[in-house]
Amino acid sequence: KRKGWLNDLIPPTFDESQFKSSEKGILIKDSHFKLINNNSSGQ
């Protein structure tokens, strides 16, 4: 980060409640899911 090779922006994450617990990140309930911006700004 001090070199500017990595910044403080956190990549988007999934709303994990949308996932089937046994297949988190692969199979999604009801064929829809949400993304979360964990930063105070940005799109």
PDB file of all heavy atoms in Angstrom:
ATOM      1  N   LYS A   1       0.830  -1.204   0.000  1.00  0.00           N
ATOM      2  CA  LYS A   1       0.000   0.000   0.000  1.00  0.00           C
ATOM      3  C   LYS A   1       0.866   1.257   0.000  1.00  0.00           C
ATOM      4  O   LYS A   1       0.548   2.244  -0.676  1.00  0.00           O
ATOM      5  CB  LYS A   1      -0.937  -0.009   1.212  1.00  0.00           C
ATOM      6  CG  LYS A   1      -2.110  -0.971   1.072  1.00  0.00           C
ATOM      7  CD  LYS A   1      -3.066  -0.871   2.250  1.00  0.00           C
ATOM      8  CE  LYS A   1      -4.267  -1.763   2.060  1.00  0.00           C
ATOM      9  NZ  LYS A   1      -5.229  -1.670   3.188  1.00  0.00           N
ATOM     10  N   ARG A   2       1.955   1.250   0.751  1.00  0.00           N
ATOM     11  CA  ARG A   2       2.844   2.418   0.766  1.00  0.00           C
ATOM     12  C   ARG A   2       3.455   2.673  -0.607  1.00  0.00           C
ATOM     13  O   ARG A   2       3.718   3.822  -0.961  1.00  0.00           O
ATOM     14  CB  ARG A   2       3.938   2.228   1.818  1.00  0.00           C
ATOM     15  CG  ARG A   2       3.464   2.411   3.246  1.00  0.00           C
ATOM     16  CD  ARG A   2       4.627   2.566   4.219  1.00  0.00           C
ATOM     17  NE  ARG A   2       5.418   1.357   4.332  1.00  0.00           N
ATOM     18  CZ  ARG A   2       5.177   0.388   5.225  1.00  0.00           C
ATOM     19  NH1 ARG A   2       4.158   0.495   6.071  1.00  0.00           N
ATOM     20  NH2 ARG A   2       5.955  -0.680   5.280  1.00  0.00           N
ATOM     21  N   LYS A   3       3.669   1.630  -1.363  1.00  0.00           N
ATOM     22  CA  LYS A   3       4.214   1.784  -2.706  1.00  0.00           C
ATOM     23  C   LYS A   3       3.152   2.179  -3.730  1.00  0.00           C
ATOM     24  O   LYS A   3       3.476   2.524  -4.857  1.00  0.00           O
ATOM     25  CB  LYS A   3       4.877   0.472  -3.155  1.00  0.00           C
ATOM     26  CG  LYS A   3       6.145   0.112  -2.411  1.00  0.00           C
ATOM     27  CD  LYS A   3       7.274   1.094  -2.709  1.00  0.00           C
ATOM     28  CE  LYS A   3       7.745   1.015  -4.135  1.00  0.00           C
ATOM     29  NZ  LYS A   3       8.889   1.921  -4.397  1.00  0.00           N
ATOM     30  N   GLY A   4       1.881   2.124  -3.342  1.00  0.00           N
ATOM     31  CA  GLY A   4       0.807   2.402  -4.283  1.00  0.00           C
ATOM     32  C   GLY A   4       0.489   1.221  -5.175  1.00  0.00           C
ATOM     33  O   GLY A   4      -0.191   1.368  -6.196  1.00  0.00           O
ATOM     34  N   TRP A   5       0.969   0.033  -4.810  1.00  0.00           N
ATOM     35  CA  TRP A   5       0.701  -1.174  -5.598  1.00  0.00           C
ATOM     36  C   TRP A   5      -0.610  -1.828  -5.189  1.00  0.00           C
ATOM     37  O   TRP A   5      -1.084  -2.735  -5.854  1.00  0.00           O
ATOM     38  CB  TRP A   5       1.838  -2.184  -5.433  1.00  0.00           C
ATOM     39  CG  TRP A   5       3.171  -1.701  -5.894  1.00  0.00           C
ATOM     40  CD1 TRP A   5       3.428  -0.601  -6.668  1.00  0.00           C
ATOM     41  CD2 TRP A   5       4.452  -2.294  -5.611  1.00  0.00           C
ATOM     42  NE1 TRP A   5       4.782  -0.476  -6.881  1.00  0.00           N
ATOM     43  CE2 TRP A   5       5.435  -1.498  -6.249  1.00  0.00           C
ATOM     44  CE3 TRP A   5       4.854  -3.407  -4.892  1.00  0.00           C
ATOM     45  CZ2 TRP A   5       6.798  -1.789  -6.177  1.00  0.00           C
ATOM     46  CZ3 TRP A   5       6.212  -3.700  -4.812  1.00  0.00           C
ATOM     47  CH2 TRP A   5       7.165  -2.903  -5.454  1.00  0.00           C
ATOM     48  N   LEU A   6      -1.177  -1.396  -4.091  1.00  0.00           N
ATOM     49  CA  LEU A   6      -2.409  -1.952  -3.552  1.00  0.00           C
ATOM     50  C   LEU A   6      -3.118  -0.805  -2.849  1.00  0.00           C
ATOM     51  O   LEU A   6      -2.473  -0.021  -2.152  1.00  0.00           O
ATOM     52  CB  LEU A   6      -2.076  -3.068  -2.558  1.00  0.00           C
ATOM     53  CG  LEU A   6      -3.177  -3.990  -2.043  1.00  0.00           C
ATOM     54  CD1 LEU A   6      -3.841  -4.738  -3.189  1.00  0.00           C
ATOM     55  CD2 LEU A   6      -2.607  -4.978  -1.036  1.00  0.00           C
ATOM     56  N   ASN A   7      -4.437  -0.658  -3.074  1.00  0.00           N
ATOM     57  CA  ASN A   7      -5.140   0.446  -2.429  1.00  0.00           C
ATOM     58  C   ASN A   7      -6.115  -0.066  -1.375  1.00  0.00           C
ATOM     59  O   ASN A   7      -6.191  -1.256  -1.109  1.00  0.00           O
ATOM     60  CB  ASN A   7      -5.848   1.332  -3.471  1.00  0.00           C
ATOM     61  CG  ASN A   7      -6.882   0.564  -4.276  1.00  0.00           C
ATOM     62  OD1 ASN A   7      -7.666  -0.208  -3.729  1.00  0.00           O
ATOM     63  ND2 ASN A   7      -6.908   0.780  -5.590  1.00  0.00           N
ATOM     64  N   ASP A   8      -6.854   0.848  -0.787  1.00  0.00           N
ATOM     65  CA  ASP A   8      -7.731   0.502   0.330  1.00  0.00           C
ATOM     66  C   ASP A   8      -9.134   0.105  -0.104  1.00  0.00           C
ATOM     67  O   ASP A   8      -9.967  -0.222   0.741  1.00  0.00           O
ATOM     68  CB  ASP A   8      -7.826   1.682   1.307  1.00  0.00           C
ATOM     69  CG  ASP A   8      -6.512   1.903   2.059  1.00  0.00           C
ATOM     70  OD1 ASP A   8      -5.898   0.894   2.439  1.00  0.00           O
ATOM     71  OD2 ASP A   8      -6.113   3.064   2.247  1.00  0.00           O
ATOM     72  N   LEU A   9      -9.425   0.144  -1.406  1.00  0.00           N
ATOM     73  CA  LEU A   9     -10.754  -0.244  -1.866  1.00  0.00           C
ATOM     74  C   LEU A   9     -10.976  -1.735  -1.624  1.00  0.00           C
ATOM     75  O   LEU A   9     -10.139  -2.572  -1.970  1.00  0.00           O
ATOM     76  CB  LEU A   9     -10.918   0.047  -3.360  1.00  0.00           C
ATOM     77  CG  LEU A   9     -11.360   1.449  -3.770  1.00  0.00           C
ATOM     78  CD1 LEU A   9     -11.467   1.524  -5.282  1.00  0.00           C
ATOM     79  CD2 LEU A   9     -12.682   1.825  -3.123  1.00  0.00           C
ATOM     80  N   ILE A  10     -12.109  -2.063  -1.031  1.00  0.00           N
ATOM     81  CA  ILE A  10     -12.462  -3.452  -0.791  1.00  0.00           C
ATOM     82  C   ILE A  10     -13.337  -3.934  -1.949  1.00  0.00           C
ATOM     83  O   ILE A  10     -14.318  -3.277  -2.298  1.00  0.00           O
ATOM     84  CB  ILE A  10     -13.219  -3.601   0.537  1.00  0.00           C
ATOM     85  CG1 ILE A  10     -12.390  -3.033   1.687  1.00  0.00           C
ATOM     86  CG2 ILE A  10     -13.581  -5.065   0.804  1.00  0.00           C
ATOM     87  CD1 ILE A  10     -13.154  -2.939   2.987  1.00  0.00           C
ATOM     88  N   PRO A  11     -12.999  -5.043  -2.571  1.00  0.00           N
ATOM     89  CA  PRO A  11     -13.825  -5.540  -3.675  1.00  0.00           C
ATOM     90  C   PRO A  11     -15.247  -5.837  -3.225  1.00  0.00           C
ATOM     91  O   PRO A  11     -15.506  -6.041  -2.025  1.00  0.00           O
ATOM     92  CB  PRO A  11     -13.107  -6.825  -4.109  1.00  0.00           C
ATOM     93  CG  PRO A  11     -11.705  -6.657  -3.642  1.00  0.00           C
ATOM     94  CD  PRO A  11     -11.795  -5.869  -2.372  1.00  0.00           C
ATOM     95  N   PRO A  12     -16.195  -5.874  -4.155  1.00  0.00           N
ATOM     96  CA  PRO A  12     -17.573  -6.222  -3.789  1.00  0.00           C
ATOM     97  C   PRO A  12     -17.644  -7.614  -3.191  1.00  0.00           C
ATOM     98  O   PRO A  12     -16.835  -8.485  -3.511  1.00  0.00           O
ATOM     99  CB  PRO A  12     -18.317  -6.164  -5.125  1.00  0.00           C
ATOM    100  CG  PRO A  12     -17.442  -5.384  -6.039  1.00  0.00           C
ATOM    101  CD  PRO A  12     -16.039  -5.628  -5.590  1.00  0.00           C
ATOM    102  N   THR A  13     -18.605  -7.816  -2.325  1.00  0.00           N
ATOM    103  CA  THR A  13     -18.855  -9.147  -1.764  1.00  0.00           C
ATOM    104  C   THR A  13     -20.308  -9.514  -2.016  1.00  0.00           C
ATOM    105  O   THR A  13     -21.142  -8.665  -2.337  1.00  0.00           O
ATOM    106  CB  THR A  13     -18.564  -9.198  -0.259  1.00  0.00           C
ATOM    107  OG1 THR A  13     -19.332  -8.178   0.404  1.00  0.00           O
ATOM    108  CG2 THR A  13     -17.083  -8.971   0.012  1.00  0.00           C
ATOM    109  N   PHE A  14     -20.591 -10.799  -1.879  1.00  0.00           N
ATOM    110  CA  PHE A  14     -21.959 -11.277  -2.028  1.00  0.00           C
ATOM    111  C   PHE A  14     -22.715 -11.145  -0.708  1.00  0.00           C
ATOM    112  O   PHE A  14     -22.130 -11.245   0.362  1.00  0.00           O
ATOM    113  CB  PHE A  14     -21.968 -12.756  -2.436  1.00  0.00           C
ATOM    114  CG  PHE A  14     -21.429 -13.024  -3.808  1.00  0.00           C
ATOM    115  CD1 PHE A  14     -20.188 -13.605  -3.973  1.00  0.00           C
ATOM    116  CD2 PHE A  14     -22.173 -12.701  -4.929  1.00  0.00           C
ATOM    117  CE1 PHE A  14     -19.701 -13.874  -5.236  1.00  0.00           C
ATOM    118  CE2 PHE A  14     -21.690 -12.957  -6.194  1.00  0.00           C
ATOM    119  CZ  PHE A  14     -20.446 -13.547  -6.356  1.00  0.00           C
ATOM    120  N   ASP A  15     -24.002 -10.954  -0.817  1.00  0.00           N
ATOM    121  CA  ASP A  15     -24.882 -11.104   0.331  1.00  0.00           C
ATOM    122  C   ASP A  15     -25.000 -12.604   0.576  1.00  0.00           C
ATOM    123  O   ASP A  15     -25.691 -13.324  -0.137  1.00  0.00           O
ATOM    124  CB  ASP A  15     -26.248 -10.495   0.028  1.00  0.00           C
ATOM    125  CG  ASP A  15     -27.231 -10.658   1.173  1.00  0.00           C
ATOM    126  OD1 ASP A  15     -26.891 -11.352   2.160  1.00  0.00           O
ATOM    127  OD2 ASP A  15     -28.349 -10.121   1.085  1.00  0.00           O
ATOM    128  N   GLU A  16     -24.294 -13.088   1.601  1.00  0.00           N
ATOM    129  CA  GLU A  16     -24.177 -14.522   1.794  1.00  0.00           C
ATOM    130  C   GLU A  16     -25.492 -15.194   2.177  1.00  0.00           C
ATOM    131  O   GLU A  16     -25.614 -16.418   2.078  1.00  0.00           O
ATOM    132  CB  GLU A  16     -23.094 -14.822   2.831  1.00  0.00           C
ATOM    133  CG  GLU A  16     -21.705 -14.401   2.370  1.00  0.00           C
ATOM    134  CD  GLU A  16     -20.618 -14.821   3.335  1.00  0.00           C
ATOM    135  OE1 GLU A  16     -20.955 -15.452   4.361  1.00  0.00           O
ATOM    136  OE2 GLU A  16     -19.443 -14.520   3.068  1.00  0.00           O
ATOM    137  N   SER A  17     -26.457 -14.418   2.588  1.00  0.00           N
ATOM    138  CA  SER A  17     -27.748 -15.024   2.915  1.00  0.00           C
ATOM    139  C   SER A  17     -28.445 -15.566   1.669  1.00  0.00           C
ATOM    140  O   SER A  17     -29.387 -16.352   1.764  1.00  0.00           O
ATOM    141  CB  SER A  17     -28.660 -14.000   3.601  1.00  0.00           C
ATOM    142  OG  SER A  17     -29.004 -12.957   2.689  1.00  0.00           O
ATOM    143  N   GLN A  18     -27.957 -15.154   0.490  1.00  0.00           N
ATOM    144  CA  GLN A  18     -28.550 -15.611  -0.760  1.00  0.00           C
ATOM    145  C   GLN A  18     -28.067 -17.004  -1.164  1.00  0.00           C
ATOM    146  O   GLN A  18     -28.627 -17.615  -2.065  1.00  0.00           O
ATOM    147  CB  GLN A  18     -28.207 -14.635  -1.890  1.00  0.00           C
ATOM    148  CG  GLN A  18     -28.637 -13.203  -1.633  1.00  0.00           C
ATOM    149  CD  GLN A  18     -30.143 -13.059  -1.701  1.00  0.00           C
ATOM    150  OE1 GLN A  18     -30.757 -13.358  -2.710  1.00  0.00           O
ATOM    151  NE2 GLN A  18     -30.732 -12.604  -0.604  1.00  0.00           N
ATOM    152  N   PHE A  19     -27.014 -17.472  -0.522  1.00  0.00           N
ATOM    153  CA  PHE A  19     -26.413 -18.731  -0.934  1.00  0.00           C
ATOM    154  C   PHE A  19     -26.978 -19.909  -0.159  1.00  0.00           C
ATOM    155  O   PHE A  19     -27.327 -19.809   1.011  1.00  0.00           O
ATOM    156  CB  PHE A  19     -24.897 -18.698  -0.711  1.00  0.00           C
ATOM    157  CG  PHE A  19     -24.194 -17.728  -1.604  1.00  0.00           C
ATOM    158  CD1 PHE A  19     -23.349 -16.769  -1.071  1.00  0.00           C
ATOM    159  CD2 PHE A  19     -24.365 -17.766  -2.976  1.00  0.00           C
ATOM    160  CE1 PHE A  19     -22.700 -15.872  -1.887  1.00  0.00           C
ATOM    161  CE2 PHE A  19     -23.715 -16.880  -3.793  1.00  0.00           C
ATOM    162  CZ  PHE A  19     -22.880 -15.925  -3.256  1.00  0.00           C
ATOM    163  N   LYS A  20     -27.001 -21.043  -0.811  1.00  0.00           N
ATOM    164  CA  LYS A  20     -27.240 -22.277  -0.096  1.00  0.00           C
ATOM    165  C   LYS A  20     -26.018 -22.554   0.770  1.00  0.00           C
ATOM    166  O   LYS A  20     -24.891 -22.506   0.301  1.00  0.00           O
ATOM    167  CB  LYS A  20     -27.465 -23.427  -1.074  1.00  0.00           C
ATOM    168  CG  LYS A  20     -28.752 -23.315  -1.879  1.00  0.00           C
ATOM    169  CD  LYS A  20     -28.923 -24.520  -2.800  1.00  0.00           C
ATOM    170  CE  LYS A  20     -30.230 -24.423  -3.572  1.00  0.00           C
ATOM    171  NZ  LYS A  20     -30.400 -25.575  -4.486  1.00  0.00           N
ATOM    172  N   SER A  21     -26.233 -22.834   2.019  1.00  0.00           N
ATOM    173  CA  SER A  21     -25.129 -22.934   2.962  1.00  0.00           C
ATOM    174  C   SER A  21     -24.107 -23.989   2.556  1.00  0.00           C
ATOM    175  O   SER A  21     -22.916 -23.840   2.811  1.00  0.00           O
ATOM    176  CB  SER A  21     -25.654 -23.231   4.364  1.00  0.00           C
ATOM    177  OG  SER A  21     -26.388 -24.451   4.364  1.00  0.00           O
ATOM    178  N   SER A  22     -24.548 -25.063   1.929  1.00  0.00           N
ATOM    179  CA  SER A  22     -23.627 -26.138   1.577  1.00  0.00           C
ATOM    180  C   SER A  22     -22.815 -25.830   0.328  1.00  0.00           C
ATOM    181  O   SER A  22     -21.837 -26.504   0.038  1.00  0.00           O
ATOM    182  CB  SER A  22     -24.397 -27.446   1.372  1.00  0.00           C
ATOM    183  OG  SER A  22     -25.315 -27.303   0.300  1.00  0.00           O
ATOM    184  N   GLU A  23     -23.222 -24.826  -0.433  1.00  0.00           N
ATOM    185  CA  GLU A  23     -22.551 -24.515  -1.693  1.00  0.00           C
ATOM    186  C   GLU A  23     -22.294 -23.017  -1.794  1.00  0.00           C
ATOM    187  O   GLU A  23     -22.504 -22.409  -2.834  1.00  0.00           O
ATOM    188  CB  GLU A  23     -23.411 -24.968  -2.879  1.00  0.00           C
ATOM    189  CG  GLU A  23     -23.698 -26.451  -2.911  1.00  0.00           C
ATOM    190  CD  GLU A  23     -22.616 -27.230  -3.624  1.00  0.00           C
ATOM    191  OE1 GLU A  23     -21.629 -26.596  -4.028  1.00  0.00           O
ATOM    192  OE2 GLU A  23     -22.759 -28.452  -3.770  1.00  0.00           O
ATOM    193  N   LYS A  24     -21.855 -22.413  -0.714  1.00  0.00           N
ATOM    194  CA  LYS A  24     -21.704 -20.951  -0.679  1.00  0.00           C
ATOM    195  C   LYS A  24     -20.822 -20.466  -1.826  1.00  0.00           C
ATOM    196  O   LYS A  24     -19.726 -20.956  -2.031  1.00  0.00           O
ATOM    197  CB  LYS A  24     -21.105 -20.516   0.650  1.00  0.00           C
ATOM    198  CG  LYS A  24     -21.082 -19.007   0.824  1.00  0.00           C
ATOM    199  CD  LYS A  24     -20.618 -18.612   2.218  1.00  0.00           C
ATOM    200  CE  LYS A  24     -19.133 -18.855   2.402  1.00  0.00           C
ATOM    201  NZ  LYS A  24     -18.659 -18.285   3.690  1.00  0.00           N
ATOM    202  N   GLY A  25     -21.310 -19.513  -2.566  1.00  0.00           N
ATOM    203  CA  GLY A  25     -20.547 -18.953  -3.661  1.00  0.00           C
ATOM    204  C   GLY A  25     -20.799 -19.632  -4.989  1.00  0.00           C
ATOM    205  O   GLY A  25     -20.298 -19.186  -6.007  1.00  0.00           O
ATOM    206  N   ILE A  26     -21.609 -20.688  -4.998  1.00  0.00           N
ATOM    207  CA  ILE A  26     -21.840 -21.401  -6.249  1.00  0.00           C
ATOM    208  C   ILE A  26     -23.330 -21.411  -6.595  1.00  0.00           C
ATOM    209  O   ILE A  26     -23.730 -20.886  -7.616  1.00  0.00           O
ATOM    210  CB  ILE A  26     -21.294 -22.837  -6.170  1.00  0.00           C
ATOM    211  CG1 ILE A  26     -19.782 -22.805  -5.892  1.00  0.00           C
ATOM    212  CG2 ILE A  26     -21.569 -23.582  -7.467  1.00  0.00           C
ATOM    213  CD1 ILE A  26     -19.170 -24.169  -5.684  1.00  0.00           C
ATOM    214  N   LEU A  27     -24.143 -21.992  -5.741  1.00  0.00           N
ATOM    215  CA  LEU A  27     -25.568 -22.089  -6.032  1.00  0.00           C
ATOM    216  C   LEU A  27     -26.331 -21.021  -5.259  1.00  0.00           C
ATOM    217  O   LEU A  27     -26.079 -20.795  -4.081  1.00  0.00           O
ATOM    218  CB  LEU A  27     -26.095 -23.484  -5.668  1.00  0.00           C
ATOM    219  CG  LEU A  27     -25.491 -24.637  -6.473  1.00  0.00           C
ATOM    220  CD1 LEU A  27     -26.073 -25.968  -5.997  1.00  0.00           C
ATOM    221  CD2 LEU A  27     -25.771 -24.455  -7.956  1.00  0.00           C
ATOM    222  N   ILE A  28     -27.267 -20.390  -5.915  1.00  0.00           N
ATOM    223  CA  ILE A  28     -27.947 -19.235  -5.348  1.00  0.00           C
ATOM    224  C   ILE A  28     -29.448 -19.500  -5.274  1.00  0.00           C
ATOM    225  O   ILE A  28     -30.047 -20.006  -6.219  1.00  0.00           O
ATOM    226  CB  ILE A  28     -27.657 -17.982  -6.205  1.00  0.00           C
ATOM    227  CG1 ILE A  28     -26.146 -17.770  -6.249  1.00  0.00           C
ATOM    228  CG2 ILE A  28     -28.367 -16.761  -5.661  1.00  0.00           C
ATOM    229  CD1 ILE A  28     -25.686 -16.982  -7.415  1.00  0.00           C
ATOM    230  N   LYS A  29     -30.024 -19.174  -4.152  1.00  0.00           N
ATOM    231  CA  LYS A  29     -31.452 -19.386  -3.962  1.00  0.00           C
ATOM    232  C   LYS A  29     -32.261 -18.490  -4.901  1.00  0.00           C
ATOM    233  O   LYS A  29     -31.931 -17.329  -5.114  1.00  0.00           O
ATOM    234  CB  LYS A  29     -31.841 -19.075  -2.517  1.00  0.00           C
ATOM    235  CG  LYS A  29     -31.215 -20.020  -1.486  1.00  0.00           C
ATOM    236  CD  LYS A  29     -31.644 -19.599  -0.086  1.00  0.00           C
ATOM    237  CE  LYS A  29     -31.057 -20.517   0.962  1.00  0.00           C
ATOM    238  NZ  LYS A  29     -31.423 -20.108   2.334  1.00  0.00           N
ATOM    239  N   ASP A  30     -33.310 -19.049  -5.447  1.00  0.00           N
ATOM    240  CA  ASP A  30     -34.306 -18.273  -6.191  1.00  0.00           C
ATOM    241  C   ASP A  30     -33.727 -17.560  -7.406  1.00  0.00           C
ATOM    242  O   ASP A  30     -34.310 -16.620  -7.929  1.00  0.00           O
ATOM    243  CB  ASP A  30     -34.989 -17.244  -5.285  1.00  0.00           C
ATOM    244  CG  ASP A  30     -35.645 -17.914  -4.085  1.00  0.00           C
ATOM    245  OD1 ASP A  30     -36.174 -19.026  -4.251  1.00  0.00           O
ATOM    246  OD2 ASP A  30     -35.593 -17.325  -2.997  1.00  0.00           O
ATOM    247  N   SER A  31     -32.522 -17.948  -7.856  1.00  0.00           N
ATOM    248  CA  SER A  31     -31.928 -17.429  -9.092  1.00  0.00           C
ATOM    249  C   SER A  31     -31.675 -15.927  -9.070  1.00  0.00           C
ATOM    250  O   SER A  31     -31.720 -15.269 -10.101  1.00  0.00           O
ATOM    251  CB  SER A  31     -32.812 -17.790 -10.300  1.00  0.00           C
ATOM    252  OG  SER A  31     -32.926 -19.179 -10.431  1.00  0.00           O
ATOM    253  N   HIS A  32     -31.463 -15.363  -7.911  1.00  0.00           N
ATOM    254  CA  HIS A  32     -31.071 -13.950  -7.855  1.00  0.00           C
ATOM    255  C   HIS A  32     -30.151 -13.736  -6.659  1.00  0.00           C
ATOM    256  O   HIS A  32     -30.162 -14.522  -5.714  1.00  0.00           O
ATOM    257  CB  HIS A  32     -32.298 -13.031  -7.758  1.00  0.00           C
ATOM    258  CG  HIS A  32     -33.076 -13.206  -6.499  1.00  0.00           C
ATOM    259  ND1 HIS A  32     -34.106 -14.105  -6.362  1.00  0.00           N
ATOM    260  CD2 HIS A  32     -32.968 -12.586  -5.289  1.00  0.00           C
ATOM    261  CE1 HIS A  32     -34.593 -14.038  -5.140  1.00  0.00           C
ATOM    262  NE2 HIS A  32     -33.925 -13.131  -4.462  1.00  0.00           N
ATOM    263  N   PHE A  33     -29.336 -12.697  -6.752  1.00  0.00           N
ATOM    264  CA  PHE A  33     -28.431 -12.431  -5.635  1.00  0.00           C
ATOM    265  C   PHE A  33     -28.080 -10.950  -5.586  1.00  0.00           C
ATOM    266  O   PHE A  33     -28.289 -10.197  -6.541  1.00  0.00           O
ATOM    267  CB  PHE A  33     -27.169 -13.285  -5.722  1.00  0.00           C
ATOM    268  CG  PHE A  33     -26.378 -13.118  -6.983  1.00  0.00           C
ATOM    269  CD1 PHE A  33     -25.336 -12.207  -7.063  1.00  0.00           C
ATOM    270  CD2 PHE A  33     -26.649 -13.887  -8.104  1.00  0.00           C
ATOM    271  CE1 PHE A  33     -24.599 -12.066  -8.218  1.00  0.00           C
ATOM    272  CE2 PHE A  33     -25.913 -13.753  -9.259  1.00  0.00           C
ATOM    273  CZ  PHE A  33     -24.887 -12.845  -9.326  1.00  0.00           C
ATOM    274  N   LYS A  34     -27.528 -10.566  -4.440  1.00  0.00           N
ATOM    275  CA  LYS A  34     -27.163  -9.171  -4.195  1.00  0.00           C
ATOM    276  C   LYS A  34     -25.654  -9.045  -4.060  1.00  0.00           C
ATOM    277  O   LYS A  34     -24.980  -9.950  -3.591  1.00  0.00           O
ATOM    278  CB  LYS A  34     -27.825  -8.674  -2.909  1.00  0.00           C
ATOM    279  CG  LYS A  34     -29.338  -8.680  -2.922  1.00  0.00           C
ATOM    280  CD  LYS A  34     -29.883  -8.240  -1.567  1.00  0.00           C
ATOM    281  CE  LYS A  34     -31.409  -8.293  -1.539  1.00  0.00           C
ATOM    282  NZ  LYS A  34     -31.944  -7.903  -0.206  1.00  0.00           N
ATOM    283  N   LEU A  35     -25.148  -7.890  -4.449  1.00  0.00           N
ATOM    284  CA  LEU A  35     -23.752  -7.530  -4.223  1.00  0.00           C
ATOM    285  C   LEU A  35     -23.698  -6.415  -3.187  1.00  0.00           C
ATOM    286  O   LEU A  35     -24.622  -5.601  -3.081  1.00  0.00           O
ATOM    287  CB  LEU A  35     -23.090  -7.061  -5.514  1.00  0.00           C
ATOM    288  CG  LEU A  35     -22.968  -8.084  -6.644  1.00  0.00           C
ATOM    289  CD1 LEU A  35     -22.348  -7.440  -7.875  1.00  0.00           C
ATOM    290  CD2 LEU A  35     -22.142  -9.282  -6.200  1.00  0.00           C
ATOM    291  N   ILE A  36     -22.604  -6.380  -2.435  1.00  0.00           N
ATOM    292  CA  ILE A  36     -22.458  -5.388  -1.371  1.00  0.00           C
ATOM    293  C   ILE A  36     -21.189  -4.587  -1.603  1.00  0.00           C
ATOM    294  O   ILE A  36     -20.113  -5.152  -1.833  1.00  0.00           O
ATOM    295  CB  ILE A  36     -22.393  -6.070   0.012  1.00  0.00           C
ATOM    296  CG1 ILE A  36     -23.690  -6.834   0.281  1.00  0.00           C
ATOM    297  CG2 ILE A  36     -22.134  -5.044   1.116  1.00  0.00           C
ATOM    298  CD1 ILE A  36     -23.647  -7.674   1.543  1.00  0.00           C
ATOM    299  N   ASN A  37     -21.298  -3.270  -1.549  1.00  0.00           N
ATOM    300  CA  ASN A  37     -20.139  -2.377  -1.589  1.00  0.00           C
ATOM    301  C   ASN A  37     -19.735  -2.091  -0.147  1.00  0.00           C
ATOM    302  O   ASN A  37     -20.457  -1.423   0.593  1.00  0.00           O
ATOM    303  CB  ASN A  37     -20.490  -1.083  -2.324  1.00  0.00           C
ATOM    304  CG  ASN A  37     -19.295  -0.136  -2.424  1.00  0.00           C
ATOM    305  OD1 ASN A  37     -18.201  -0.444  -1.948  1.00  0.00           O
ATOM    306  ND2 ASN A  37     -19.506   1.021  -3.056  1.00  0.00           N
ATOM    307  N   ASN A  38     -18.594  -2.588   0.256  1.00  0.00           N
ATOM    308  CA  ASN A  38     -18.136  -2.444   1.633  1.00  0.00           C
ATOM    309  C   ASN A  38     -17.360  -1.155   1.880  1.00  0.00           C
ATOM    310  O   ASN A  38     -16.792  -0.971   2.958  1.00  0.00           O
ATOM    311  CB  ASN A  38     -17.254  -3.637   2.003  1.00  0.00           C
ATOM    312  CG  ASN A  38     -18.012  -4.948   1.933  1.00  0.00           C
ATOM    313  OD1 ASN A  38     -18.804  -5.260   2.806  1.00  0.00           O
ATOM    314  ND2 ASN A  38     -17.775  -5.714   0.875  1.00  0.00           N
ATOM    315  N   ASN A  39     -17.312  -0.280   0.894  1.00  0.00           N
ATOM    316  CA  ASN A  39     -16.607   0.989   1.026  1.00  0.00           C
ATOM    317  C   ASN A  39     -17.596   2.114   1.281  1.00  0.00           C
ATOM    318  O   ASN A  39     -18.790   1.984   1.025  1.00  0.00           O
ATOM    319  CB  ASN A  39     -15.817   1.276  -0.257  1.00  0.00           C
ATOM    320  CG  ASN A  39     -14.874   0.141  -0.620  1.00  0.00           C
ATOM    321  OD1 ASN A  39     -13.782   0.034  -0.099  1.00  0.00           O
ATOM    322  ND2 ASN A  39     -15.306  -0.734  -1.533  1.00  0.00           N
ATOM    323  N   SER A  40     -17.098   3.233   1.771  1.00  0.00           N
ATOM    324  CA  SER A  40     -17.979   4.365   2.077  1.00  0.00           C
ATOM    325  C   SER A  40     -18.369   5.141   0.830  1.00  0.00           C
ATOM    326  O   SER A  40     -19.253   5.992   0.873  1.00  0.00           O
ATOM    327  CB  SER A  40     -17.286   5.304   3.072  1.00  0.00           C
ATOM    328  OG  SER A  40     -16.062   5.790   2.529  1.00  0.00           O
ATOM    329  N   SER A  41     -17.708   4.861  -0.291  1.00  0.00           N
ATOM    330  CA  SER A  41     -18.045   5.527  -1.543  1.00  0.00           C
ATOM    331  C   SER A  41     -17.724   4.583  -2.691  1.00  0.00           C
ATOM    332  O   SER A  41     -17.236   3.475  -2.500  1.00  0.00           O
ATOM    333  CB  SER A  41     -17.257   6.837  -1.690  1.00  0.00           C
ATOM    334  OG  SER A  41     -15.854   6.577  -1.685  1.00  0.00           O
ATOM    335  N   GLY A  42     -17.997   5.026  -3.915  1.00  0.00           N
ATOM    336  CA  GLY A  42     -17.733   4.215  -5.095  1.00  0.00           C
ATOM    337  C   GLY A  42     -18.970   3.463  -5.558  1.00  0.00           C
ATOM    338  O   GLY A  42     -19.985   3.384  -4.855  1.00  0.00           O
ATOM    339  N   GLN A  43     -18.880   2.925  -6.770  1.00  0.00           N
ATOM    340  CA  GLN A  43     -19.989   2.188  -7.364  1.00  0.00           C
ATOM    341  C   GLN A  43     -19.503   0.840  -7.864  1.00  0.00           C
ATOM    342  O   GLN A  43     -18.364   0.685  -8.294  1.00  0.00           O
ATOM    343  CB  GLN A  43     -20.589   2.973  -8.540  1.00  0.00           C
ATOM    344  CG  GLN A  43     -21.233   4.297  -8.134  1.00  0.00           C
ATOM    345  CD  GLN A  43     -21.686   5.084  -9.348  1.00  0.00           C
ATOM    346  OE1 GLN A  43     -20.891   5.386 -10.231  1.00  0.00           O
ATOM    347  NE2 GLN A  43     -22.974   5.404  -9.397  1.00  0.00           N
TER     348      GLN A  43
END
